[in-house]
Amino acid sequence: MQQLIIQGMHCDACKKLIMMELEDASLDIFVDSISVEDDNKGIMILKNATEDDIMKIKNSINAMDGYHVE
């Protein structure tokens, strides 16, 4: 499983917004879990995602205002 650190997440609404964005792009199927941490970041655990899928997920999140993942 792959883990992504998402900067800018601070509440459950952030989690929902990101998941809605990924659902719109049909990329939500690769998300195993997503959690909000105390230090303005979130951790997303991916399942069965190829490198191409991961790049698409990163691009979708980075296109959103206020969030960043490397």
Protein backbone atom coordinates (compact mmCIF):
# COMPACT_ATOMS: atom_id res chain seq x y z
CA MET A 1 0.00 0.00 0.00
CA GLN A 2 1.11 3.51 -0.81
CA GLN A 3 0.84 6.44 1.59
CA LEU A 4 0.40 10.08 0.57
CA ILE A 5 0.84 13.07 2.88
CA ILE A 6 -1.60 15.86 2.04
CA GLN A 7 -0.69 19.33 3.32
CA GLY A 8 -3.52 21.73 4.19
CA MET A 9 -6.01 19.29 5.70
CA HIS A 10 -7.36 20.32 9.10
CA CYS A 11 -10.87 18.87 9.46
CA ASP A 12 -13.34 16.27 8.24
CA ALA A 13 -14.72 18.72 5.67
CA CYS A 14 -11.28 18.73 4.02
CA LYS A 15 -11.40 14.95 3.84
CA LYS A 16 -14.87 15.06 2.25
CA LEU A 17 -13.85 17.69 -0.31
CA ILE A 18 -10.83 15.68 -1.40
CA MET A 19 -12.87 12.48 -1.65
CA MET A 20 -15.54 14.27 -3.72
CA GLU A 21 -12.83 15.50 -6.10
CA LEU A 22 -11.41 11.98 -6.44
CA GLU A 23 -14.90 10.51 -6.94
CA ASP A 24 -15.52 12.96 -9.79
CA ALA A 25 -12.32 11.70 -11.44
CA SER A 26 -13.18 8.03 -10.69
CA LEU A 27 -10.03 7.76 -8.57
CA ASP A 28 -11.74 7.14 -5.22
CA ILE A 29 -11.58 3.36 -5.80
CA PHE A 30 -7.85 3.50 -4.98
CA VAL A 31 -8.35 5.13 -1.55
CA ASP A 32 -8.25 2.67 1.34
CA SER A 33 -8.44 5.35 4.05
CA ILE A 34 -7.84 9.03 4.70
CA SER A 35 -7.25 10.65 8.07
CA VAL A 36 -6.66 14.16 9.38
CA GLU A 37 -3.60 14.69 11.57
CA ASP A 38 -3.02 17.42 14.18
CA ASP A 39 -0.39 19.37 12.23
CA ASN A 40 -2.48 20.63 9.27
CA LYS A 41 -1.95 17.51 7.18
CA GLY A 42 -3.72 14.35 6.19
CA ILE A 43 -2.59 10.83 5.46
CA MET A 44 -4.13 8.94 2.57
CA ILE A 45 -3.57 5.20 2.24
CA LEU A 46 -3.96 3.87 -1.30
CA LYS A 47 -4.70 0.33 -2.46
CA ASN A 48 -4.06 -1.32 -5.83
CA ALA A 49 -2.94 1.97 -7.42
CA THR A 50 -0.44 2.00 -10.25
CA GLU A 51 2.14 4.76 -10.58
CA ASP A 52 -0.10 6.36 -13.21
CA ASP A 53 -3.09 6.25 -10.83
CA ILE A 54 -0.99 7.80 -8.05
CA MET A 55 0.12 10.61 -10.36
CA LYS A 56 -3.50 11.30 -11.32
CA ILE A 57 -4.51 11.39 -7.64
CA LYS A 58 -1.66 13.78 -6.81
CA ASN A 59 -2.55 16.03 -9.76
CA SER A 60 -6.23 16.12 -8.73
CA ILE A 61 -5.39 17.08 -5.14
CA ASN A 62 -2.76 19.65 -6.16
CA ALA A 63 -5.29 21.32 -8.47
CA MET A 64 -7.50 22.05 -5.46
CA ASP A 65 -7.09 25.34 -3.57
CA GLY A 66 -5.31 24.93 -0.24
CA TYR A 67 -4.04 21.35 -0.59
CA HIS A 68 -0.70 19.97 -1.70
CA VAL A 69 0.80 16.51 -2.01
CA GLU A 70 4.22 15.62 -3.45
